[in-house]
Amino acid sequence: MGVYDIIKSPLITEKLSLLNEDQNLYGFEVDRRANKIQIREAVEKIWGVKVVRVNTMVRKGKPRRVKWSWEHEPSVKRALVWLAEGDRIE
């Protein structure tokens, strides 16, 4: 699995934008098979920053109503990444 396959998209929420300014914290949606070490290496290689800490969580998929039937939304893995002081992702 390549570094560009691990990071799927950034998480953009109001809470994360406030934490980004205060604690240098960024959120990403990542591949379900990726572990914390792979996520750390991917962020460091793509953006050239120093990662201090990585927390991961799996958001369970929920059933959704589609016309007359129910479909199940897939589960999503999210990663919260803390960067070293002075490093930023632009």
PDB file of N, CA and C in Angstrom:
ATOM      1  N   MET A   1       0.856  -1.172   0.000  1.00  0.00           N
ATOM      2  CA  MET A   1       0.000   0.000   0.000  1.00  0.00           C
ATOM      3  C   MET A   1       0.903   1.237   0.000  1.00  0.00           C
ATOM      4  N   GLY A   2       0.721   2.110  -0.984  1.00  0.00           N
ATOM      5  CA  GLY A   2       1.535   3.314  -1.099  1.00  0.00           C
ATOM      6  C   GLY A   2       1.065   4.416  -0.171  1.00  0.00           C
ATOM      7  N   VAL A   3       1.915   5.431   0.002  1.00  0.00           N
ATOM      8  CA  VAL A   3       1.569   6.515   0.929  1.00  0.00           C
ATOM      9  C   VAL A   3       0.355   7.300   0.445  1.00  0.00           C
ATOM     10  N   TYR A   4       0.166   7.387  -0.872  1.00  0.00           N
ATOM     11  CA  TYR A   4      -0.981   8.131  -1.393  1.00  0.00           C
ATOM     12  C   TYR A   4      -2.270   7.311  -1.329  1.00  0.00           C
ATOM     13  N   ASP A   5      -2.159   6.010  -1.092  1.00  0.00           N
ATOM     14  CA  ASP A   5      -3.341   5.165  -0.915  1.00  0.00           C
ATOM     15  C   ASP A   5      -3.831   5.191   0.529  1.00  0.00           C
ATOM     16  N   ILE A   6      -2.955   5.535   1.461  1.00  0.00           N
ATOM     17  CA  ILE A   6      -3.311   5.519   2.883  1.00  0.00           C
ATOM     18  C   ILE A   6      -4.203   6.700   3.236  1.00  0.00           C
ATOM     19  N   ILE A   7      -3.811   7.913   2.849  1.00  0.00           N
ATOM     20  CA  ILE A   7      -4.577   9.126   3.161  1.00  0.00           C
ATOM     21  C   ILE A   7      -5.631   9.308   2.075  1.00  0.00           C
ATOM     22  N   LYS A   8      -6.908   9.222   2.444  1.00  0.00           N
ATOM     23  CA  LYS A   8      -7.982   9.370   1.458  1.00  0.00           C
ATOM     24  C   LYS A   8      -8.411  10.823   1.300  1.00  0.00           C
ATOM     25  N   SER A   9      -8.693  11.498   2.425  1.00  0.00           N
ATOM     26  CA  SER A   9      -9.135  12.891   2.358  1.00  0.00           C
ATOM     27  C   SER A   9      -8.958  13.551   3.718  1.00  0.00           C
ATOM     28  N   PRO A  10      -8.868  14.886   3.728  1.00  0.00           N
ATOM     29  CA  PRO A  10      -8.788  15.585   5.014  1.00  0.00           C
ATOM     30  C   PRO A  10     -10.168  15.696   5.650  1.00  0.00           C
ATOM     31  N   LEU A  11     -10.205  15.736   6.965  1.00  0.00           N
ATOM     32  CA  LEU A  11     -11.454  15.991   7.682  1.00  0.00           C
ATOM     33  C   LEU A  11     -11.533  17.490   7.930  1.00  0.00           C
ATOM     34  N   ILE A  12     -12.612  18.098   7.497  1.00  0.00           N
ATOM     35  CA  ILE A  12     -12.774  19.538   7.662  1.00  0.00           C
ATOM     36  C   ILE A  12     -14.032  19.773   8.486  1.00  0.00           C
ATOM     37  N   THR A  13     -13.828  20.071   9.767  1.00  0.00           N
ATOM     38  CA  THR A  13     -14.935  20.382  10.659  1.00  0.00           C
ATOM     39  C   THR A  13     -14.585  21.635  11.440  1.00  0.00           C
ATOM     40  N   GLU A  14     -15.578  22.241  12.033  1.00  0.00           N
ATOM     41  CA  GLU A  14     -15.354  23.450  12.823  1.00  0.00           C
ATOM     42  C   GLU A  14     -14.464  23.148  14.030  1.00  0.00           C
ATOM     43  N   LYS A  15     -14.716  22.028  14.685  1.00  0.00           N
ATOM     44  CA  LYS A  15     -13.932  21.661  15.861  1.00  0.00           C
ATOM     45  C   LYS A  15     -12.467  21.413  15.495  1.00  0.00           C
ATOM     46  N   LEU A  16     -12.229  20.710  14.393  1.00  0.00           N
ATOM     47  CA  LEU A  16     -10.851  20.443  13.985  1.00  0.00           C
ATOM     48  C   LEU A  16     -10.127  21.712  13.552  1.00  0.00           C
ATOM     49  N   SER A  17     -10.842  22.651  12.949  1.00  0.00           N
ATOM     50  CA  SER A  17     -10.179  23.899  12.554  1.00  0.00           C
ATOM     51  C   SER A  17      -9.754  24.706  13.775  1.00  0.00           C
ATOM     52  N   LEU A  18     -10.536  24.668  14.848  1.00  0.00           N
ATOM     53  CA  LEU A  18     -10.143  25.347  16.090  1.00  0.00           C
ATOM     54  C   LEU A  18      -8.954  24.639  16.745  1.00  0.00           C
ATOM     55  N   LEU A  19      -8.965  23.306  16.763  1.00  0.00           N
ATOM     56  CA  LEU A  19      -7.856  22.553  17.339  1.00  0.00           C
ATOM     57  C   LEU A  19      -6.583  22.700  16.505  1.00  0.00           C
ATOM     58  N   ASN A  20      -6.754  22.895  15.194  1.00  0.00           N
ATOM     59  CA  ASN A  20      -5.613  23.098  14.318  1.00  0.00           C
ATOM     60  C   ASN A  20      -4.837  24.342  14.734  1.00  0.00           C
ATOM     61  N   GLU A  21      -5.544  25.407  15.074  1.00  0.00           N
ATOM     62  CA  GLU A  21      -4.898  26.653  15.480  1.00  0.00           C
ATOM     63  C   GLU A  21      -4.252  26.519  16.858  1.00  0.00           C
ATOM     64  N   ASP A  22      -4.919  25.822  17.785  1.00  0.00           N
ATOM     65  CA  ASP A  22      -4.433  25.733  19.164  1.00  0.00           C
ATOM     66  C   ASP A  22      -3.379  24.643  19.359  1.00  0.00           C
ATOM     67  N   GLN A  23      -3.642  23.438  18.867  1.00  0.00           N
ATOM     68  CA  GLN A  23      -2.803  22.284  19.201  1.00  0.00           C
ATOM     69  C   GLN A  23      -2.037  21.705  18.016  1.00  0.00           C
ATOM     70  N   ASN A  24      -2.121  22.348  16.848  1.00  0.00           N
ATOM     71  CA  ASN A  24      -1.437  21.847  15.651  1.00  0.00           C
ATOM     72  C   ASN A  24      -1.905  20.425  15.322  1.00  0.00           C
ATOM     73  N   LEU A  25      -3.219  20.235  15.301  1.00  0.00           N
ATOM     74  CA  LEU A  25      -3.862  18.933  15.101  1.00  0.00           C
ATOM     75  C   LEU A  25      -4.576  18.905  13.752  1.00  0.00           C
ATOM     76  N   TYR A  26      -4.411  17.821  13.011  1.00  0.00           N
ATOM     77  CA  TYR A  26      -5.067  17.651  11.717  1.00  0.00           C
ATOM     78  C   TYR A  26      -5.800  16.315  11.704  1.00  0.00           C
ATOM     79  N   GLY A  27      -6.902  16.249  10.951  1.00  0.00           N
ATOM     80  CA  GLY A  27      -7.680  15.021  10.849  1.00  0.00           C
ATOM     81  C   GLY A  27      -7.742  14.541   9.411  1.00  0.00           C
ATOM     82  N   PHE A  28      -7.689  13.224   9.232  1.00  0.00           N
ATOM     83  CA  PHE A  28      -7.738  12.622   7.904  1.00  0.00           C
ATOM     84  C   PHE A  28      -8.629  11.392   7.924  1.00  0.00           C
ATOM     85  N   GLU A  29      -9.278  11.153   6.789  1.00  0.00           N
ATOM     86  CA  GLU A  29      -9.940   9.876   6.571  1.00  0.00           C
ATOM     87  C   GLU A  29      -8.897   8.982   5.920  1.00  0.00           C
ATOM     88  N   VAL A  30      -8.681   7.797   6.493  1.00  0.00           N
ATOM     89  CA  VAL A  30      -7.596   6.930   6.029  1.00  0.00           C
ATOM     90  C   VAL A  30      -8.135   5.552   5.652  1.00  0.00           C
ATOM     91  N   ASP A  31      -7.292   4.775   4.991  1.00  0.00           N
ATOM     92  CA  ASP A  31      -7.639   3.409   4.611  1.00  0.00           C
ATOM     93  C   ASP A  31      -7.838   2.563   5.864  1.00  0.00           C
ATOM     94  N   ARG A  32      -8.839   1.690   5.846  1.00  0.00           N
ATOM     95  CA  ARG A  32      -9.158   0.868   7.030  1.00  0.00           C
ATOM     96  C   ARG A  32      -8.020  -0.062   7.423  1.00  0.00           C
ATOM     97  N   ARG A  33      -7.196  -0.474   6.466  1.00  0.00           N
ATOM     98  CA  ARG A  33      -6.119  -1.429   6.744  1.00  0.00           C
ATOM     99  C   ARG A  33      -4.856  -0.764   7.279  1.00  0.00           C
ATOM    100  N   ALA A  34      -4.785   0.569   7.236  1.00  0.00           N
ATOM    101  CA  ALA A  34      -3.570   1.283   7.650  1.00  0.00           C
ATOM    102  C   ALA A  34      -3.462   1.337   9.171  1.00  0.00           C
ATOM    103  N   ASN A  35      -2.230   1.190   9.678  1.00  0.00           N
ATOM    104  CA  ASN A  35      -2.013   1.321  11.114  1.00  0.00           C
ATOM    105  C   ASN A  35      -1.376   2.683  11.415  1.00  0.00           C
ATOM    106  N   LYS A  36      -1.137   2.964  12.691  1.00  0.00           N
ATOM    107  CA  LYS A  36      -0.637   4.278  13.097  1.00  0.00           C
ATOM    108  C   LYS A  36       0.749   4.572  12.530  1.00  0.00           C
ATOM    109  N   ILE A  37       1.590   3.569  12.451  1.00  0.00           N
ATOM    110  CA  ILE A  37       2.943   3.772  11.929  1.00  0.00           C
ATOM    111  C   ILE A  37       2.893   4.133  10.449  1.00  0.00           C
ATOM    112  N   GLN A  38       2.051   3.440   9.680  1.00  0.00           N
ATOM    113  CA  GLN A  38       1.914   3.737   8.256  1.00  0.00           C
ATOM    114  C   GLN A  38       1.332   5.128   8.036  1.00  0.00           C
ATOM    115  N   ILE A  39       0.369   5.529   8.869  1.00  0.00           N
ATOM    116  CA  ILE A  39      -0.234   6.857   8.752  1.00  0.00           C
ATOM    117  C   ILE A  39       0.812   7.925   9.052  1.00  0.00           C
ATOM    118  N   ARG A  40       1.610   7.712  10.104  1.00  0.00           N
ATOM    119  CA  ARG A  40       2.679   8.654  10.466  1.00  0.00           C
ATOM    120  C   ARG A  40       3.666   8.822   9.305  1.00  0.00           C
ATOM    121  N   GLU A  41       4.115   7.704   8.735  1.00  0.00           N
ATOM    122  CA  GLU A  41       5.078   7.749   7.636  1.00  0.00           C
ATOM    123  C   GLU A  41       4.490   8.429   6.401  1.00  0.00           C
ATOM    124  N   ALA A  42       3.203   8.184   6.118  1.00  0.00           N
ATOM    125  CA  ALA A  42       2.560   8.790   4.953  1.00  0.00           C
ATOM    126  C   ALA A  42       2.485  10.307   5.099  1.00  0.00           C
ATOM    127  N   VAL A  43       2.068  10.794   6.271  1.00  0.00           N
ATOM    128  CA  VAL A  43       1.957  12.243   6.490  1.00  0.00           C
ATOM    129  C   VAL A  43       3.339  12.888   6.418  1.00  0.00           C
ATOM    130  N   GLU A  44       4.335  12.262   7.034  1.00  0.00           N
ATOM    131  CA  GLU A  44       5.690  12.819   7.012  1.00  0.00           C
ATOM    132  C   GLU A  44       6.261  12.854   5.597  1.00  0.00           C
ATOM    133  N   LYS A  45       5.980  11.840   4.798  1.00  0.00           N
ATOM    134  CA  LYS A  45       6.522  11.786   3.440  1.00  0.00           C
ATOM    135  C   LYS A  45       5.789  12.737   2.493  1.00  0.00           C
ATOM    136  N   ILE A  46       4.472  12.819   2.591  1.00  0.00           N
ATOM    137  CA  ILE A  46       3.698  13.660   1.671  1.00  0.00           C
ATOM    138  C   ILE A  46       3.940  15.144   1.938  1.00  0.00           C
ATOM    139  N   TRP A  47       3.876  15.558   3.212  1.00  0.00           N
ATOM    140  CA  TRP A  47       3.963  16.988   3.535  1.00  0.00           C
ATOM    141  C   TRP A  47       5.312  17.418   4.102  1.00  0.00           C
ATOM    142  N   GLY A  48       6.193  16.501   4.381  1.00  0.00           N
ATOM    143  CA  GLY A  48       7.514  16.846   4.889  1.00  0.00           C
ATOM    144  C   GLY A  48       7.485  17.499   6.262  1.00  0.00           C
ATOM    145  N   VAL A  49       6.663  16.979   7.162  1.00  0.00           N
ATOM    146  CA  VAL A  49       6.542  17.513   8.523  1.00  0.00           C
ATOM    147  C   VAL A  49       6.896  16.421   9.528  1.00  0.00           C
ATOM    148  N   LYS A  50       7.076  16.800  10.788  1.00  0.00           N
ATOM    149  CA  LYS A  50       7.380  15.853  11.862  1.00  0.00           C
ATOM    150  C   LYS A  50       6.099  15.566  12.628  1.00  0.00           C
ATOM    151  N   VAL A  51       5.682  14.299  12.673  1.00  0.00           N
ATOM    152  CA  VAL A  51       4.476  13.887  13.389  1.00  0.00           C
ATOM    153  C   VAL A  51       4.862  13.483  14.807  1.00  0.00           C
ATOM    154  N   VAL A  52       4.140  14.053  15.794  1.00  0.00           N
ATOM    155  CA  VAL A  52       4.401  13.765  17.199  1.00  0.00           C
ATOM    156  C   VAL A  52       3.537  12.612  17.689  1.00  0.00           C
ATOM    157  N   ARG A  53       2.268  12.582  17.275  1.00  0.00           N
ATOM    158  CA  ARG A  53       1.323  11.606  17.817  1.00  0.00           C
ATOM    159  C   ARG A  53       0.228  11.315  16.795  1.00  0.00           C
ATOM    160  N   VAL A  54      -0.293  10.090  16.817  1.00  0.00           N
ATOM    161  CA  VAL A  54      -1.392   9.693  15.931  1.00  0.00           C
ATOM    162  C   VAL A  54      -2.429   8.937  16.752  1.00  0.00           C
ATOM    163  N   ASN A  55      -3.682   9.352  16.663  1.00  0.00           N
ATOM    164  CA  ASN A  55      -4.801   8.610  17.247  1.00  0.00           C
ATOM    165  C   ASN A  55      -5.717   8.179  16.110  1.00  0.00           C
ATOM    166  N   THR A  56      -6.256   6.959  16.201  1.00  0.00           N
ATOM    167  CA  THR A  56      -7.163   6.474  15.163  1.00  0.00           C
ATOM    168  C   THR A  56      -8.481   6.040  15.782  1.00  0.00           C
ATOM    169  N   MET A  57      -9.513   6.074  14.964  1.00  0.00           N
ATOM    170  CA  MET A  57     -10.838   5.621  15.387  1.00  0.00           C
ATOM    171  C   MET A  57     -11.576   5.088  14.165  1.00  0.00           C
ATOM    172  N   VAL A  58     -12.484   4.162  14.385  1.00  0.00           N
ATOM    173  CA  VAL A  58     -13.306   3.636  13.304  1.00  0.00           C
ATOM    174  C   VAL A  58     -14.744   4.051  13.573  1.00  0.00           C
ATOM    175  N   ARG A  59     -15.299   4.832  12.638  1.00  0.00           N
ATOM    176  CA  ARG A  59     -16.695   5.252  12.744  1.00  0.00           C
ATOM    177  C   ARG A  59     -17.537   4.187  12.052  1.00  0.00           C
ATOM    178  N   LYS A  60     -18.392   3.534  12.813  1.00  0.00           N
ATOM    179  CA  LYS A  60     -19.196   2.434  12.300  1.00  0.00           C
ATOM    180  C   LYS A  60     -20.212   2.952  11.286  1.00  0.00           C
ATOM    181  N   GLY A  61     -20.380   2.202  10.195  1.00  0.00           N
ATOM    182  CA  GLY A  61     -21.353   2.557   9.174  1.00  0.00           C
ATOM    183  C   GLY A  61     -22.775   2.410   9.696  1.00  0.00           C
ATOM    184  N   LYS A  62     -23.655   3.251   9.196  1.00  0.00           N
ATOM    185  CA  LYS A  62     -25.034   3.257   9.676  1.00  0.00           C
ATOM    186  C   LYS A  62     -25.984   2.866   8.545  1.00  0.00           C
ATOM    187  N   PRO A  63     -27.114   2.293   8.885  1.00  0.00           N
ATOM    188  CA  PRO A  63     -28.095   2.001   7.836  1.00  0.00           C
ATOM    189  C   PRO A  63     -28.763   3.289   7.353  1.00  0.00           C
ATOM    190  N   ARG A  64     -28.957   3.390   6.055  1.00  0.00           N
ATOM    191  CA  ARG A  64     -29.587   4.559   5.452  1.00  0.00           C
ATOM    192  C   ARG A  64     -30.771   4.116   4.602  1.00  0.00           C
ATOM    193  N   ARG A  65     -31.797   4.926   4.585  1.00  0.00           N
ATOM    194  CA  ARG A  65     -32.992   4.644   3.800  1.00  0.00           C
ATOM    195  C   ARG A  65     -32.773   5.128   2.370  1.00  0.00           C
ATOM    196  N   VAL A  66     -32.957   4.233   1.399  1.00  0.00           N
ATOM    197  CA  VAL A  66     -32.851   4.587  -0.010  1.00  0.00           C
ATOM    198  C   VAL A  66     -34.116   4.102  -0.696  1.00  0.00           C
ATOM    199  N   LYS A  67     -34.962   5.039  -1.067  1.00  0.00           N
ATOM    200  CA  LYS A  67     -36.280   4.753  -1.642  1.00  0.00           C
ATOM    201  C   LYS A  67     -37.062   3.801  -0.743  1.00  0.00           C
ATOM    202  N   TRP A  68     -37.227   2.528  -1.190  1.00  0.00           N
ATOM    203  CA  TRP A  68     -38.049   1.600  -0.414  1.00  0.00           C
ATOM    204  C   TRP A  68     -37.232   0.570   0.352  1.00  0.00           C
ATOM    205  N   SER A  69     -35.931   0.713   0.331  1.00  0.00           N
ATOM    206  CA  SER A  69     -35.101  -0.291   0.997  1.00  0.00           C
ATOM    207  C   SER A  69     -34.049   0.381   1.877  1.00  0.00           C
ATOM    208  N   TRP A  70     -33.332  -0.431   2.606  1.00  0.00           N
ATOM    209  CA  TRP A  70     -32.264   0.052   3.477  1.00  0.00           C
ATOM    210  C   TRP A  70     -30.924  -0.380   2.903  1.00  0.00           C
ATOM    211  N   GLU A  71     -29.962   0.537   2.908  1.00  0.00           N
ATOM    212  CA  GLU A  71     -28.595   0.222   2.516  1.00  0.00           C
ATOM    213  C   GLU A  71     -27.687   0.559   3.681  1.00  0.00           C
ATOM    214  N   HIS A  72     -26.585  -0.156   3.768  1.00  0.00           N
ATOM    215  CA  HIS A  72     -25.664   0.053   4.882  1.00  0.00           C
ATOM    216  C   HIS A  72     -24.478   0.885   4.416  1.00  0.00           C
ATOM    217  N   GLU A  73     -24.243   2.000   5.100  1.00  0.00           N
ATOM    218  CA  GLU A  73     -23.107   2.873   4.814  1.00  0.00           C
ATOM    219  C   GLU A  73     -21.823   2.182   5.292  1.00  0.00           C
ATOM    220  N   PRO A  74     -20.716   2.277   4.557  1.00  0.00           N
ATOM    221  CA  PRO A  74     -19.496   1.595   5.007  1.00  0.00           C
ATOM    222  C   PRO A  74     -18.860   2.266   6.227  1.00  0.00           C
ATOM    223  N   SER A  75     -18.139   1.489   7.017  1.00  0.00           N
ATOM    224  CA  SER A  75     -17.404   2.031   8.155  1.00  0.00           C
ATOM    225  C   SER A  75     -16.200   2.817   7.641  1.00  0.00           C
ATOM    226  N   VAL A  76     -15.813   3.860   8.386  1.00  0.00           N
ATOM    227  CA  VAL A  76     -14.738   4.753   7.961  1.00  0.00           C
ATOM    228  C   VAL A  76     -13.714   4.869   9.080  1.00  0.00           C
ATOM    229  N   LYS A  77     -12.435   4.789   8.729  1.00  0.00           N
ATOM    230  CA  LYS A  77     -11.369   4.973   9.712  1.00  0.00           C
ATOM    231  C   LYS A  77     -10.876   6.410   9.620  1.00  0.00           C
ATOM    232  N   ARG A  78     -10.750   7.051  10.786  1.00  0.00           N
ATOM    233  CA  ARG A  78     -10.275   8.432  10.854  1.00  0.00           C
ATOM    234  C   ARG A  78      -9.005   8.479  11.686  1.00  0.00           C
ATOM    235  N   ALA A  79      -8.127   9.394  11.337  1.00  0.00           N
ATOM    236  CA  ALA A  79      -6.876   9.554  12.079  1.00  0.00           C
ATOM    237  C   ALA A  79      -6.723  11.010  12.489  1.00  0.00           C
ATOM    238  N   LEU A  80      -6.358  11.232  13.747  1.00  0.00           N
ATOM    239  CA  LEU A  80      -6.014  12.558  14.241  1.00  0.00           C
ATOM    240  C   LEU A  80      -4.501  12.596  14.381  1.00  0.00           C
ATOM    241  N   VAL A  81      -3.871  13.591  13.756  1.00  0.00           N
ATOM    242  CA  VAL A  81      -2.414  13.665  13.687  1.00  0.00           C
ATOM    243  C   VAL A  81      -1.945  14.966  14.315  1.00  0.00           C
ATOM    244  N   TRP A  82      -1.062  14.858  15.328  1.00  0.00           N
ATOM    245  CA  TRP A  82      -0.456  16.026  15.959  1.00  0.00           C
ATOM    246  C   TRP A  82       0.914  16.249  15.333  1.00  0.00           C
ATOM    247  N   LEU A  83       1.201  17.502  14.954  1.00  0.00           N
ATOM    248  CA  LEU A  83       2.490  17.840  14.361  1.00  0.00           C
ATOM    249  C   LEU A  83       3.383  18.526  15.380  1.00  0.00           C
ATOM    250  N   ALA A  84       4.689  18.504  15.118  1.00  0.00           N
ATOM    251  CA  ALA A  84       5.656  19.164  15.990  1.00  0.00           C
ATOM    252  C   ALA A  84       5.467  20.680  15.915  1.00  0.00           C
ATOM    253  N   GLU A  85       5.933  21.378  16.939  1.00  0.00           N
ATOM    254  CA  GLU A  85       5.826  22.843  16.978  1.00  0.00           C
ATOM    255  C   GLU A  85       6.523  23.438  15.763  1.00  0.00           C
ATOM    256  N   GLY A  86       5.873  24.392  15.133  1.00  0.00           N
ATOM    257  CA  GLY A  86       6.450  25.065  13.977  1.00  0.00           C
ATOM    258  C   GLY A  86       6.098  24.425  12.644  1.00  0.00           C
ATOM    259  N   ASP A  87       5.630  23.186  12.627  1.00  0.00           N
ATOM    260  CA  ASP A  87       5.239  22.524  11.379  1.00  0.00           C
ATOM    261  C   ASP A  87       3.777  22.807  11.081  1.00  0.00           C
ATOM    262  N   ARG A  88       3.476  22.990   9.789  1.00  0.00           N
ATOM    263  CA  ARG A  88       2.102  23.235   9.354  1.00  0.00           C
ATOM    264  C   ARG A  88       1.869  22.520   8.033  1.00  0.00           C
ATOM    265  N   ILE A  89       0.624  22.140   7.798  1.00  0.00           N
ATOM    266  CA  ILE A  89       0.221  21.568   6.512  1.00  0.00           C
ATOM    267  C   ILE A  89      -0.587  22.635   5.793  1.00  0.00           C
ATOM    268  N   GLU A  90      -0.148  22.993   4.609  1.00  0.00           N
ATOM    269  CA  GLU A  90      -0.850  24.030   3.828  1.00  0.00           C
ATOM    270  C   GLU A  90      -1.582  23.402   2.669  1.00  0.00           C
TER     271      GLU A  90
END
